[in-house]
Amino acid sequence: MTNKSLLDRLAALDTNTVSDALDFLGLPGATVGLRPLWNCPKIVGRASTVLLAPKSGSAPTVHLITPVVEQIHSDDRVLVIAGGIEGISCWGDILANAASGKQVRGTVIDGFSRDIDGSEAIGYPVYGRGVTMISARNRVVQIDAAVTINVAGVDVSEDDYVIADSCGTVFVPQAEIEKVLDLGERIAHRQDGMVEAVRSGRSVAEVMHDTQFEAIQVEHTR
């Protein structure tokens, strides 16, 4: 299946459903605390990973993340950044403008952003732990990219799949994406039916009984 088809299927789901699919499969991926930093749209794409660390020494360095942005040449990327320091920015409006110009779909930071109004002004989605005004300059540096990083407790590798919406951020290992999508679509279908059943007057206790969710797992193992 083509990458576009996989991304389209992922985009048709939400983070709750993808998280449930990962749960059923016993896979990590759902994070806590990485929320939209403005009222931004959902993002779905492939991870371009960046690893940051506190700066040591006083020598001038290339500004963090800029080399990664310059090397992007496809329209399916989401920047996924780990190693941020509490209260220190590792994203801002200049980077947002550069990323937008490269057709990057959005940024997920296990850390903080500044200049969030600038990202909002150009419609660039940013998800992370919070907003600050304190600059990364002379405090944080990029130490690696296109490597496996730990984001809010989840290991994320280059080219893994990313979905982020108002409920948070979920990562799916690229080797597991078709399995997760297949199960996620079944979960979504069943949950849509449960909503309709409740609306039609069926007992919510019956509709939400554990056996109804166990049925999804039974269907998956057939």
N, C-alpha and C. Protein backbone atom coordinates (compact mmCIF):
# COMPACT_ATOMS: atom_id res chain seq x y z
N MET A 1 0.85 -1.20 0.00
CA MET A 1 0.00 0.00 0.00
C MET A 1 0.88 1.24 0.00
N THR A 2 0.48 2.27 -0.75
CA THR A 2 1.31 3.46 -0.84
C THR A 2 1.28 4.26 0.45
N ASN A 3 2.33 5.05 0.64
CA ASN A 3 2.41 5.90 1.83
C ASN A 3 1.23 6.85 1.91
N LYS A 4 0.79 7.41 0.76
CA LYS A 4 -0.34 8.32 0.76
C LYS A 4 -1.61 7.61 1.24
N SER A 5 -1.83 6.38 0.77
CA SER A 5 -3.01 5.63 1.19
C SER A 5 -2.99 5.38 2.69
N LEU A 6 -1.83 5.04 3.23
CA LEU A 6 -1.70 4.80 4.67
C LEU A 6 -1.97 6.08 5.45
N LEU A 7 -1.43 7.20 4.97
CA LEU A 7 -1.65 8.47 5.66
C LEU A 7 -3.12 8.89 5.58
N ASP A 8 -3.75 8.65 4.44
CA ASP A 8 -5.17 8.98 4.31
C ASP A 8 -6.01 8.14 5.28
N ARG A 9 -5.68 6.88 5.43
CA ARG A 9 -6.41 6.02 6.36
C ARG A 9 -6.19 6.46 7.80
N LEU A 10 -4.95 6.82 8.11
CA LEU A 10 -4.66 7.30 9.47
C LEU A 10 -5.40 8.60 9.75
N ALA A 11 -5.45 9.48 8.77
CA ALA A 11 -6.12 10.78 8.94
C ALA A 11 -7.62 10.62 9.17
N ALA A 12 -8.20 9.51 8.71
CA ALA A 12 -9.63 9.28 8.89
C ALA A 12 -9.97 8.84 10.32
N LEU A 13 -8.95 8.51 11.11
CA LEU A 13 -9.14 8.11 12.51
C LEU A 13 -8.83 9.29 13.42
N ASP A 14 -8.97 9.08 14.74
CA ASP A 14 -8.55 10.08 15.70
C ASP A 14 -7.59 9.44 16.70
N THR A 15 -6.98 10.25 17.56
CA THR A 15 -5.97 9.72 18.47
C THR A 15 -6.56 8.72 19.46
N ASN A 16 -7.82 8.91 19.86
CA ASN A 16 -8.43 7.97 20.79
C ASN A 16 -8.50 6.57 20.18
N THR A 17 -8.93 6.50 18.93
CA THR A 17 -9.08 5.21 18.25
C THR A 17 -7.74 4.56 18.01
N VAL A 18 -6.76 5.35 17.59
CA VAL A 18 -5.42 4.80 17.35
C VAL A 18 -4.81 4.31 18.66
N SER A 19 -5.01 5.07 19.74
CA SER A 19 -4.54 4.64 21.05
C SER A 19 -5.18 3.32 21.46
N ASP A 20 -6.49 3.18 21.22
CA ASP A 20 -7.19 1.93 21.55
C ASP A 20 -6.62 0.77 20.75
N ALA A 21 -6.35 0.99 19.47
CA ALA A 21 -5.79 -0.07 18.63
C ALA A 21 -4.43 -0.51 19.16
N LEU A 22 -3.61 0.45 19.52
CA LEU A 22 -2.30 0.12 20.09
C LEU A 22 -2.46 -0.66 21.39
N ASP A 23 -3.44 -0.28 22.22
CA ASP A 23 -3.71 -1.00 23.46
C ASP A 23 -4.04 -2.46 23.18
N PHE A 24 -4.96 -2.69 22.25
CA PHE A 24 -5.36 -4.05 21.92
C PHE A 24 -4.17 -4.88 21.44
N LEU A 25 -3.24 -4.25 20.74
CA LEU A 25 -2.08 -4.94 20.18
C LEU A 25 -0.91 -5.01 21.16
N GLY A 26 -1.06 -4.37 22.32
CA GLY A 26 0.02 -4.38 23.31
C GLY A 26 1.23 -3.57 22.89
N LEU A 27 0.98 -2.49 22.13
CA LEU A 27 2.07 -1.65 21.64
C LEU A 27 2.05 -0.29 22.31
N PRO A 28 3.23 0.30 22.58
CA PRO A 28 3.28 1.68 23.08
C PRO A 28 3.00 2.65 21.94
N GLY A 29 2.76 3.90 22.27
CA GLY A 29 2.58 4.91 21.23
C GLY A 29 1.85 6.14 21.71
N ALA A 30 0.86 5.96 22.59
CA ALA A 30 0.10 7.10 23.09
C ALA A 30 0.92 7.87 24.12
N THR A 31 0.91 9.18 24.03
CA THR A 31 1.64 10.02 24.98
C THR A 31 0.65 10.80 25.85
N VAL A 32 1.16 11.35 26.93
CA VAL A 32 0.38 12.21 27.80
C VAL A 32 1.08 13.56 27.89
N GLY A 33 0.32 14.63 27.68
CA GLY A 33 0.87 15.96 27.89
C GLY A 33 1.33 16.70 26.66
N LEU A 34 1.33 16.06 25.50
CA LEU A 34 1.74 16.74 24.27
C LEU A 34 0.48 17.17 23.53
N ARG A 35 0.04 18.39 23.82
CA ARG A 35 -1.24 18.92 23.37
C ARG A 35 -1.02 20.06 22.39
N PRO A 36 -2.07 20.44 21.63
CA PRO A 36 -1.93 21.60 20.74
C PRO A 36 -1.61 22.85 21.53
N LEU A 37 -0.65 23.63 21.03
CA LEU A 37 -0.23 24.85 21.73
C LEU A 37 -0.97 26.08 21.23
N TRP A 38 -1.77 25.94 20.22
CA TRP A 38 -2.82 26.90 19.86
C TRP A 38 -3.96 26.06 19.31
N ASN A 39 -5.06 26.66 18.94
CA ASN A 39 -6.21 25.90 18.47
C ASN A 39 -5.95 25.41 17.05
N CYS A 40 -4.94 24.57 16.93
CA CYS A 40 -4.44 24.19 15.61
C CYS A 40 -5.12 22.93 15.09
N PRO A 41 -5.04 22.72 13.78
CA PRO A 41 -5.66 21.54 13.19
C PRO A 41 -4.89 20.26 13.53
N LYS A 42 -5.56 19.17 13.34
CA LYS A 42 -4.97 17.83 13.44
C LYS A 42 -3.80 17.71 12.47
N ILE A 43 -2.80 16.95 12.87
CA ILE A 43 -1.70 16.65 11.95
C ILE A 43 -1.49 15.14 11.86
N VAL A 44 -1.18 14.69 10.65
CA VAL A 44 -0.89 13.29 10.38
C VAL A 44 0.28 13.26 9.41
N GLY A 45 1.30 12.46 9.72
CA GLY A 45 2.45 12.40 8.83
C GLY A 45 3.49 11.41 9.31
N ARG A 46 4.70 11.55 8.74
CA ARG A 46 5.83 10.69 9.07
C ARG A 46 6.85 11.50 9.86
N ALA A 47 7.44 10.86 10.85
CA ALA A 47 8.34 11.56 11.77
C ALA A 47 9.70 11.86 11.13
N SER A 48 10.12 13.11 11.28
CA SER A 48 11.52 13.50 11.10
C SER A 48 12.02 13.85 12.49
N THR A 49 12.86 13.00 13.06
CA THR A 49 13.21 13.11 14.47
C THR A 49 14.42 14.01 14.70
N VAL A 50 14.37 14.73 15.83
CA VAL A 50 15.45 15.64 16.22
C VAL A 50 15.73 15.44 17.70
N LEU A 51 16.99 15.33 18.06
CA LEU A 51 17.38 15.18 19.46
C LEU A 51 18.16 16.41 19.92
N LEU A 52 17.69 17.01 21.02
CA LEU A 52 18.32 18.20 21.60
C LEU A 52 18.98 17.85 22.93
N ALA A 53 19.80 18.77 23.42
CA ALA A 53 20.45 18.62 24.72
C ALA A 53 20.90 19.99 25.20
N PRO A 54 21.14 20.14 26.50
CA PRO A 54 21.67 21.41 27.00
C PRO A 54 23.01 21.75 26.35
N LYS A 55 23.22 23.01 26.08
CA LYS A 55 24.48 23.44 25.47
C LYS A 55 25.58 23.48 26.51
N SER A 56 26.76 23.00 26.10
CA SER A 56 27.95 23.12 26.94
C SER A 56 28.99 23.89 26.14
N GLY A 57 29.66 24.81 26.77
CA GLY A 57 30.63 25.64 26.06
C GLY A 57 29.98 26.88 25.50
N SER A 58 30.80 27.79 25.00
CA SER A 58 30.31 29.09 24.55
C SER A 58 30.49 29.31 23.06
N ALA A 59 31.05 28.32 22.34
CA ALA A 59 31.28 28.49 20.91
C ALA A 59 29.95 28.61 20.16
N PRO A 60 29.88 29.50 19.15
CA PRO A 60 28.65 29.63 18.35
C PRO A 60 28.32 28.31 17.64
N THR A 61 27.05 28.01 17.51
CA THR A 61 26.61 26.79 16.83
C THR A 61 25.48 27.13 15.86
N VAL A 62 25.27 26.23 14.90
CA VAL A 62 24.11 26.36 14.01
C VAL A 62 22.86 26.26 14.87
N HIS A 63 21.86 27.08 14.60
CA HIS A 63 20.66 27.06 15.43
C HIS A 63 19.96 25.71 15.31
N LEU A 64 19.52 25.22 16.46
CA LEU A 64 18.90 23.91 16.51
C LEU A 64 17.74 23.78 15.51
N ILE A 65 17.63 22.59 14.93
CA ILE A 65 16.55 22.15 14.04
C ILE A 65 16.68 22.71 12.62
N THR A 66 17.39 23.82 12.43
CA THR A 66 17.48 24.41 11.09
C THR A 66 18.09 23.45 10.06
N PRO A 67 19.12 22.63 10.40
CA PRO A 67 19.64 21.71 9.38
C PRO A 67 18.61 20.67 8.95
N VAL A 68 17.77 20.24 9.88
CA VAL A 68 16.75 19.24 9.55
C VAL A 68 15.71 19.84 8.61
N VAL A 69 15.25 21.04 8.91
CA VAL A 69 14.26 21.70 8.05
C VAL A 69 14.81 21.87 6.63
N GLU A 70 16.06 22.28 6.52
CA GLU A 70 16.64 22.52 5.20
C GLU A 70 16.73 21.25 4.36
N GLN A 71 16.80 20.08 5.01
CA GLN A 71 16.97 18.82 4.28
C GLN A 71 15.65 18.14 3.94
N ILE A 72 14.53 18.73 4.29
CA ILE A 72 13.23 18.12 3.99
C ILE A 72 12.81 18.43 2.55
N HIS A 73 12.43 17.37 1.83
CA HIS A 73 12.06 17.54 0.42
C HIS A 73 10.79 16.77 0.06
N SER A 74 9.98 16.43 1.05
CA SER A 74 8.70 15.78 0.78
C SER A 74 7.62 16.46 1.61
N ASP A 75 6.36 16.21 1.25
CA ASP A 75 5.27 16.92 1.91
C ASP A 75 4.55 16.09 2.97
N ASP A 76 5.21 15.03 3.48
CA ASP A 76 4.56 14.14 4.45
C ASP A 76 5.19 14.21 5.84
N ARG A 77 6.06 15.20 6.08
CA ARG A 77 6.86 15.17 7.29
C ARG A 77 6.21 15.91 8.46
N VAL A 78 6.44 15.37 9.66
CA VAL A 78 6.14 16.02 10.93
C VAL A 78 7.43 16.06 11.72
N LEU A 79 7.85 17.23 12.16
CA LEU A 79 9.06 17.33 12.99
C LEU A 79 8.73 16.85 14.40
N VAL A 80 9.50 15.90 14.89
CA VAL A 80 9.29 15.34 16.24
C VAL A 80 10.57 15.58 17.03
N ILE A 81 10.47 16.37 18.09
CA ILE A 81 11.64 16.90 18.78
C ILE A 81 11.66 16.43 20.23
N ALA A 82 12.78 15.87 20.65
CA ALA A 82 12.95 15.41 22.03
C ALA A 82 14.18 16.08 22.64
N GLY A 83 14.24 16.07 23.97
CA GLY A 83 15.39 16.61 24.68
C GLY A 83 15.23 18.05 25.10
N GLY A 84 14.02 18.56 25.03
CA GLY A 84 13.79 19.93 25.47
C GLY A 84 13.97 20.10 26.97
N ILE A 85 14.29 21.31 27.39
CA ILE A 85 14.51 21.63 28.80
C ILE A 85 13.28 22.36 29.33
N GLU A 86 12.89 22.04 30.54
CA GLU A 86 11.72 22.65 31.16
C GLU A 86 11.80 24.18 31.10
N GLY A 87 10.78 24.80 30.52
CA GLY A 87 10.69 26.24 30.50
C GLY A 87 11.54 26.94 29.45
N ILE A 88 12.29 26.18 28.64
CA ILE A 88 13.14 26.77 27.61
C ILE A 88 12.57 26.44 26.23
N SER A 89 12.49 27.42 25.38
CA SER A 89 11.92 27.21 24.05
C SER A 89 12.84 26.37 23.17
N CYS A 90 12.22 25.53 22.36
CA CYS A 90 12.98 24.88 21.28
C CYS A 90 12.22 24.97 19.96
N TRP A 91 11.30 25.94 19.89
CA TRP A 91 10.58 26.21 18.65
C TRP A 91 10.12 27.66 18.67
N GLY A 92 9.98 28.27 17.48
CA GLY A 92 9.53 29.65 17.40
C GLY A 92 9.01 29.99 16.02
N ASP A 93 8.62 31.25 15.83
CA ASP A 93 7.94 31.61 14.59
C ASP A 93 8.84 31.62 13.36
N ILE A 94 10.13 31.88 13.53
CA ILE A 94 11.02 31.84 12.37
C ILE A 94 11.15 30.41 11.86
N LEU A 95 11.34 29.47 12.78
CA LEU A 95 11.37 28.06 12.39
C LEU A 95 10.04 27.64 11.78
N ALA A 96 8.93 28.11 12.34
CA ALA A 96 7.62 27.75 11.81
C ALA A 96 7.48 28.22 10.36
N ASN A 97 7.93 29.44 10.07
CA ASN A 97 7.86 29.94 8.70
C ASN A 97 8.74 29.12 7.76
N ALA A 98 9.93 28.75 8.22
CA ALA A 98 10.82 27.94 7.40
C ALA A 98 10.22 26.56 7.13
N ALA A 99 9.64 25.95 8.18
CA ALA A 99 9.04 24.62 8.03
C ALA A 99 7.82 24.68 7.11
N SER A 100 7.01 25.72 7.27
CA SER A 100 5.85 25.88 6.41
C SER A 100 6.25 26.00 4.95
N GLY A 101 7.34 26.72 4.70
CA GLY A 101 7.84 26.86 3.34
C GLY A 101 8.30 25.55 2.74
N LYS A 102 8.65 24.58 3.59
CA LYS A 102 9.07 23.26 3.15
C LYS A 102 7.92 22.26 3.13
N GLN A 103 6.71 22.74 3.36
CA GLN A 103 5.50 21.92 3.38
C GLN A 103 5.50 20.88 4.51
N VAL A 104 6.21 21.19 5.60
CA VAL A 104 6.15 20.34 6.78
C VAL A 104 4.75 20.44 7.36
N ARG A 105 4.21 19.33 7.84
CA ARG A 105 2.81 19.28 8.27
C ARG A 105 2.59 19.81 9.69
N GLY A 106 3.65 19.85 10.48
CA GLY A 106 3.53 20.34 11.84
C GLY A 106 4.70 19.89 12.67
N THR A 107 4.71 20.32 13.94
CA THR A 107 5.80 20.00 14.86
C THR A 107 5.23 19.48 16.17
N VAL A 108 5.86 18.41 16.67
CA VAL A 108 5.55 17.87 17.99
C VAL A 108 6.81 17.97 18.84
N ILE A 109 6.71 18.67 19.97
CA ILE A 109 7.88 18.92 20.83
C ILE A 109 7.66 18.30 22.20
N ASP A 110 8.60 17.48 22.63
CA ASP A 110 8.62 17.08 24.04
C ASP A 110 9.37 18.20 24.75
N GLY A 111 8.72 19.35 24.80
CA GLY A 111 9.34 20.56 25.31
C GLY A 111 8.42 21.74 25.08
N PHE A 112 9.00 22.94 24.93
CA PHE A 112 8.24 24.18 24.93
C PHE A 112 8.48 24.99 23.66
N SER A 113 7.51 25.82 23.32
CA SER A 113 7.62 26.73 22.18
C SER A 113 7.48 28.16 22.65
N ARG A 114 8.11 29.09 21.93
CA ARG A 114 7.86 30.51 22.11
C ARG A 114 7.19 31.04 20.84
N ASP A 115 6.87 32.32 20.84
CA ASP A 115 6.31 32.96 19.64
C ASP A 115 5.12 32.18 19.08
N ILE A 116 4.29 31.62 19.94
CA ILE A 116 3.23 30.74 19.45
C ILE A 116 2.23 31.50 18.59
N ASP A 117 2.08 32.80 18.83
CA ASP A 117 1.18 33.60 17.99
C ASP A 117 1.68 33.63 16.55
N GLY A 118 3.00 33.60 16.38
CA GLY A 118 3.56 33.59 15.04
C GLY A 118 3.25 32.31 14.30
N SER A 119 3.30 31.17 15.00
CA SER A 119 2.91 29.90 14.37
C SER A 119 1.43 29.91 14.01
N GLU A 120 0.62 30.43 14.93
CA GLU A 120 -0.83 30.49 14.67
C GLU A 120 -1.14 31.39 13.49
N ALA A 121 -0.41 32.49 13.37
CA ALA A 121 -0.69 33.46 12.31
C ALA A 121 -0.53 32.85 10.92
N ILE A 122 0.35 31.87 10.78
CA ILE A 122 0.55 31.23 9.47
C ILE A 122 -0.13 29.87 9.41
N GLY A 123 -0.89 29.52 10.45
CA GLY A 123 -1.63 28.26 10.46
C GLY A 123 -0.75 27.04 10.60
N TYR A 124 0.41 27.20 11.27
CA TYR A 124 1.34 26.08 11.40
C TYR A 124 1.08 25.35 12.73
N PRO A 125 0.72 24.06 12.70
CA PRO A 125 0.39 23.33 13.92
C PRO A 125 1.62 23.04 14.78
N VAL A 126 1.50 23.30 16.08
CA VAL A 126 2.56 22.99 17.04
C VAL A 126 1.93 22.30 18.24
N TYR A 127 2.46 21.14 18.57
CA TYR A 127 2.02 20.38 19.74
C TYR A 127 3.21 20.26 20.69
N GLY A 128 2.96 20.35 21.98
CA GLY A 128 4.06 20.25 22.93
C GLY A 128 3.59 20.30 24.36
N ARG A 129 4.54 20.55 25.27
CA ARG A 129 4.23 20.56 26.70
C ARG A 129 3.79 21.93 27.19
N GLY A 130 4.12 22.99 26.46
CA GLY A 130 3.72 24.30 26.93
C GLY A 130 4.39 25.42 26.15
N VAL A 131 4.09 26.63 26.57
CA VAL A 131 4.59 27.84 25.92
C VAL A 131 5.45 28.62 26.90
N THR A 132 6.52 29.20 26.39
CA THR A 132 7.43 30.01 27.19
C THR A 132 7.91 31.18 26.34
N MET A 133 8.59 32.13 26.95
CA MET A 133 9.20 33.21 26.17
C MET A 133 10.73 33.11 26.18
N ILE A 134 11.29 32.14 26.88
CA ILE A 134 12.74 32.06 27.08
C ILE A 134 13.39 31.36 25.90
N SER A 135 14.36 32.00 25.28
CA SER A 135 15.00 31.53 24.06
C SER A 135 15.90 30.31 24.30
N ALA A 136 16.01 29.48 23.27
CA ALA A 136 16.94 28.34 23.31
C ALA A 136 18.38 28.76 23.09
N ARG A 137 18.58 29.97 22.53
CA ARG A 137 19.93 30.38 22.14
C ARG A 137 20.87 30.39 23.34
N ASN A 138 22.01 29.70 23.17
CA ASN A 138 23.04 29.52 24.21
C ASN A 138 22.57 28.65 25.38
N ARG A 139 21.43 27.98 25.21
CA ARG A 139 20.93 27.08 26.26
C ARG A 139 20.72 25.65 25.76
N VAL A 140 20.26 25.51 24.52
CA VAL A 140 19.92 24.19 23.97
C VAL A 140 20.54 24.06 22.59
N VAL A 141 21.04 22.87 22.28
CA VAL A 141 21.61 22.61 20.96
C VAL A 141 21.06 21.30 20.41
N GLN A 142 21.12 21.16 19.10
CA GLN A 142 20.77 19.90 18.45
C GLN A 142 21.99 19.00 18.48
N ILE A 143 21.80 17.74 18.91
CA ILE A 143 22.94 16.82 18.94
C ILE A 143 22.79 15.66 17.95
N ASP A 144 21.58 15.44 17.42
CA ASP A 144 21.41 14.36 16.45
C ASP A 144 20.08 14.54 15.73
N ALA A 145 19.89 13.77 14.66
CA ALA A 145 18.64 13.79 13.90
C ALA A 145 18.51 12.48 13.16
N ALA A 146 17.28 12.17 12.75
CA ALA A 146 16.98 10.93 12.03
C ALA A 146 17.41 9.69 12.82
N VAL A 147 17.23 9.77 14.14
CA VAL A 147 17.57 8.66 15.03
C VAL A 147 16.35 8.37 15.91
N THR A 148 16.40 7.24 16.61
CA THR A 148 15.33 6.92 17.56
C THR A 148 15.46 7.80 18.79
N ILE A 149 14.36 8.46 19.16
CA ILE A 149 14.35 9.37 20.30
C ILE A 149 13.23 8.94 21.24
N ASN A 150 13.29 9.39 22.48
CA ASN A 150 12.23 9.11 23.43
C ASN A 150 11.39 10.37 23.61
N VAL A 151 10.11 10.26 23.27
CA VAL A 151 9.20 11.41 23.31
C VAL A 151 8.10 11.11 24.31
N ALA A 152 8.13 11.80 25.45
CA ALA A 152 7.12 11.60 26.50
C ALA A 152 6.97 10.13 26.85
N GLY A 153 8.10 9.41 26.91
CA GLY A 153 8.09 8.01 27.30
C GLY A 153 7.92 7.02 26.18
N VAL A 154 7.76 7.49 24.95
CA VAL A 154 7.57 6.62 23.79
C VAL A 154 8.77 6.72 22.86
N ASP A 155 9.34 5.59 22.47
CA ASP A 155 10.43 5.59 21.50
C ASP A 155 9.86 5.85 20.11
N VAL A 156 10.42 6.85 19.43
CA VAL A 156 9.96 7.24 18.10
C VAL A 156 11.16 7.22 17.16
N SER A 157 11.02 6.52 16.04
CA SER A 157 12.10 6.42 15.06
C SER A 157 11.77 7.24 13.82
N GLU A 158 12.79 7.58 13.08
CA GLU A 158 12.60 8.26 11.80
C GLU A 158 11.61 7.46 10.94
N ASP A 159 10.65 8.15 10.36
CA ASP A 159 9.63 7.59 9.46
C ASP A 159 8.49 6.89 10.17
N ASP A 160 8.48 6.85 11.51
CA ASP A 160 7.29 6.36 12.19
C ASP A 160 6.12 7.28 11.88
N TYR A 161 4.92 6.79 12.13
CA TYR A 161 3.72 7.56 11.82
C TYR A 161 3.28 8.38 13.03
N VAL A 162 2.75 9.57 12.76
CA VAL A 162 2.35 10.52 13.79
C VAL A 162 0.91 10.95 13.55
N ILE A 163 0.11 10.95 14.61
CA ILE A 163 -1.21 11.56 14.55
C ILE A 163 -1.38 12.40 15.81
N ALA A 164 -1.82 13.64 15.66
CA ALA A 164 -2.00 14.54 16.79
C ALA A 164 -3.27 15.34 16.57
N ASP A 165 -4.10 15.42 17.62
CA ASP A 165 -5.32 16.21 17.56
C ASP A 165 -5.60 16.81 18.93
N SER A 166 -6.80 17.28 19.15
CA SER A 166 -7.10 18.01 20.38
C SER A 166 -6.94 17.16 21.64
N CYS A 167 -6.94 15.83 21.50
CA CYS A 167 -6.76 14.96 22.66
C CYS A 167 -5.29 14.64 22.95
N GLY A 168 -4.40 14.93 22.01
CA GLY A 168 -2.99 14.67 22.26
C GLY A 168 -2.28 14.10 21.04
N THR A 169 -1.20 13.36 21.30
CA THR A 169 -0.31 12.89 20.25
C THR A 169 -0.04 11.40 20.40
N VAL A 170 -0.10 10.67 19.28
CA VAL A 170 0.16 9.24 19.26
C VAL A 170 1.15 8.93 18.14
N PHE A 171 2.06 8.01 18.42
CA PHE A 171 3.04 7.56 17.44
C PHE A 171 2.81 6.08 17.13
N VAL A 172 2.97 5.70 15.86
CA VAL A 172 2.80 4.31 15.45
C VAL A 172 4.08 3.86 14.74
N PRO A 173 4.72 2.78 15.21
CA PRO A 173 5.92 2.28 14.52
C PRO A 173 5.58 1.95 13.07
N GLN A 174 6.47 2.31 12.15
CA GLN A 174 6.17 2.10 10.74
C GLN A 174 5.94 0.63 10.41
N ALA A 175 6.59 -0.28 11.13
CA ALA A 175 6.42 -1.71 10.86
C ALA A 175 5.04 -2.21 11.26
N GLU A 176 4.33 -1.45 12.09
CA GLU A 176 3.04 -1.89 12.62
C GLU A 176 1.86 -1.12 12.04
N ILE A 177 2.10 -0.18 11.12
CA ILE A 177 1.05 0.75 10.72
C ILE A 177 -0.15 0.06 10.09
N GLU A 178 0.04 -0.91 9.22
CA GLU A 178 -1.11 -1.55 8.57
C GLU A 178 -1.94 -2.33 9.57
N LYS A 179 -1.29 -3.01 10.49
CA LYS A 179 -2.01 -3.75 11.53
C LYS A 179 -2.81 -2.80 12.41
N VAL A 180 -2.21 -1.68 12.78
CA VAL A 180 -2.89 -0.70 13.63
C VAL A 180 -4.07 -0.07 12.87
N LEU A 181 -3.89 0.24 11.61
CA LEU A 181 -4.97 0.83 10.82
C LEU A 181 -6.13 -0.15 10.65
N ASP A 182 -5.83 -1.39 10.34
CA ASP A 182 -6.88 -2.40 10.18
C ASP A 182 -7.73 -2.50 11.45
N LEU A 183 -7.06 -2.59 12.59
CA LEU A 183 -7.78 -2.72 13.85
C LEU A 183 -8.48 -1.41 14.21
N GLY A 184 -7.81 -0.28 13.99
CA GLY A 184 -8.41 1.02 14.29
C GLY A 184 -9.70 1.25 13.52
N GLU A 185 -9.71 0.84 12.26
CA GLU A 185 -10.93 1.00 11.46
C GLU A 185 -12.07 0.14 11.98
N ARG A 186 -11.75 -1.06 12.45
CA ARG A 186 -12.79 -1.91 13.05
C ARG A 186 -13.31 -1.31 14.35
N ILE A 187 -12.40 -0.76 15.15
CA ILE A 187 -12.80 -0.11 16.41
C ILE A 187 -13.71 1.08 16.12
N ALA A 188 -13.32 1.90 15.16
CA ALA A 188 -14.12 3.08 14.82
C ALA A 188 -15.51 2.68 14.37
N HIS A 189 -15.59 1.64 13.55
CA HIS A 189 -16.89 1.17 13.06
C HIS A 189 -17.76 0.69 14.21
N ARG A 190 -17.16 -0.10 15.10
CA ARG A 190 -17.92 -0.63 16.24
C ARG A 190 -18.36 0.51 17.17
N GLN A 191 -17.46 1.46 17.43
CA GLN A 191 -17.82 2.55 18.33
C GLN A 191 -18.90 3.45 17.73
N ASP A 192 -18.87 3.65 16.42
CA ASP A 192 -19.94 4.41 15.77
C ASP A 192 -21.28 3.70 15.99
N GLY A 193 -21.26 2.37 15.89
CA GLY A 193 -22.48 1.61 16.12
C GLY A 193 -22.95 1.71 17.56
N MET A 194 -22.02 1.78 18.51
CA MET A 194 -22.38 1.91 19.92
C MET A 194 -23.03 3.26 20.19
N VAL A 195 -22.50 4.31 19.58
CA VAL A 195 -23.10 5.64 19.73
C VAL A 195 -24.53 5.63 19.21
N GLU A 196 -24.71 5.05 18.03
CA GLU A 196 -26.06 4.99 17.45
C GLU A 196 -27.00 4.17 18.33
N ALA A 197 -26.49 3.09 18.92
CA ALA A 197 -27.32 2.26 19.79
C ALA A 197 -27.80 3.05 21.00
N VAL A 198 -26.89 3.84 21.61
CA VAL A 198 -27.27 4.65 22.77
C VAL A 198 -28.29 5.71 22.36
N ARG A 199 -28.06 6.34 21.22
CA ARG A 199 -28.99 7.37 20.75
C ARG A 199 -30.37 6.80 20.46
N SER A 200 -30.42 5.54 20.09
CA SER A 200 -31.71 4.93 19.78
C SER A 200 -32.43 4.44 21.02
N GLY A 201 -31.79 4.57 22.19
CA GLY A 201 -32.45 4.23 23.44
C GLY A 201 -31.97 2.96 24.12
N ARG A 202 -31.01 2.29 23.53
CA ARG A 202 -30.49 1.06 24.14
C ARG A 202 -29.73 1.41 25.42
N SER A 203 -29.75 0.54 26.41
CA SER A 203 -29.08 0.77 27.69
C SER A 203 -27.59 1.01 27.50
N VAL A 204 -27.10 2.13 28.03
CA VAL A 204 -25.66 2.42 27.92
C VAL A 204 -24.84 1.40 28.68
N ALA A 205 -25.39 0.86 29.78
CA ALA A 205 -24.67 -0.17 30.54
C ALA A 205 -24.45 -1.41 29.69
N GLU A 206 -25.44 -1.74 28.88
CA GLU A 206 -25.32 -2.89 27.98
C GLU A 206 -24.37 -2.58 26.83
N VAL A 207 -24.55 -1.39 26.25
CA VAL A 207 -23.73 -1.02 25.09
C VAL A 207 -22.25 -0.94 25.44
N MET A 208 -21.95 -0.45 26.66
CA MET A 208 -20.54 -0.25 27.05
C MET A 208 -19.99 -1.38 27.91
N HIS A 209 -20.72 -2.49 27.98
CA HIS A 209 -20.23 -3.63 28.75
C HIS A 209 -18.90 -4.13 28.17
N ASP A 210 -18.03 -4.62 29.05
CA ASP A 210 -16.71 -5.08 28.60
C ASP A 210 -16.79 -6.08 27.45
N THR A 211 -17.84 -6.89 27.42
CA THR A 211 -17.94 -7.90 26.36
C THR A 211 -18.02 -7.27 24.98
N GLN A 212 -18.56 -6.04 24.90
CA GLN A 212 -18.66 -5.36 23.62
C GLN A 212 -17.28 -5.00 23.08
N PHE A 213 -16.39 -4.65 23.99
CA PHE A 213 -15.02 -4.32 23.58
C PHE A 213 -14.20 -5.58 23.35
N GLU A 214 -14.49 -6.61 24.12
CA GLU A 214 -13.81 -7.89 23.91
C GLU A 214 -14.11 -8.44 22.53
N ALA A 215 -15.32 -8.14 22.01
CA ALA A 215 -15.69 -8.61 20.68
C ALA A 215 -14.76 -8.07 19.61
N ILE A 216 -14.25 -6.86 19.81
CA ILE A 216 -13.30 -6.30 18.85
C ILE A 216 -12.04 -7.15 18.81
N GLN A 217 -11.58 -7.55 19.98
CA GLN A 217 -10.39 -8.38 20.05
C GLN A 217 -10.62 -9.74 19.40
N VAL A 218 -11.80 -10.30 19.60
CA VAL A 218 -12.13 -11.59 18.99
C VAL A 218 -12.11 -11.47 17.47
N GLU A 219 -12.71 -10.39 16.96
CA GLU A 219 -12.72 -10.16 15.51
C GLU A 219 -11.30 -10.04 14.97
N HIS A 220 -10.43 -9.36 15.76
CA HIS A 220 -9.06 -9.13 15.32
C HIS A 220 -8.28 -10.43 15.21
N THR A 221 -8.53 -11.39 16.11
CA THR A 221 -7.73 -12.61 16.14
C THR A 221 -8.23 -13.67 15.18
N ARG A 222 -9.38 -13.45 14.55
CA ARG A 222 -9.91 -14.43 13.59
C ARG A 222 -9.10 -14.43 12.31
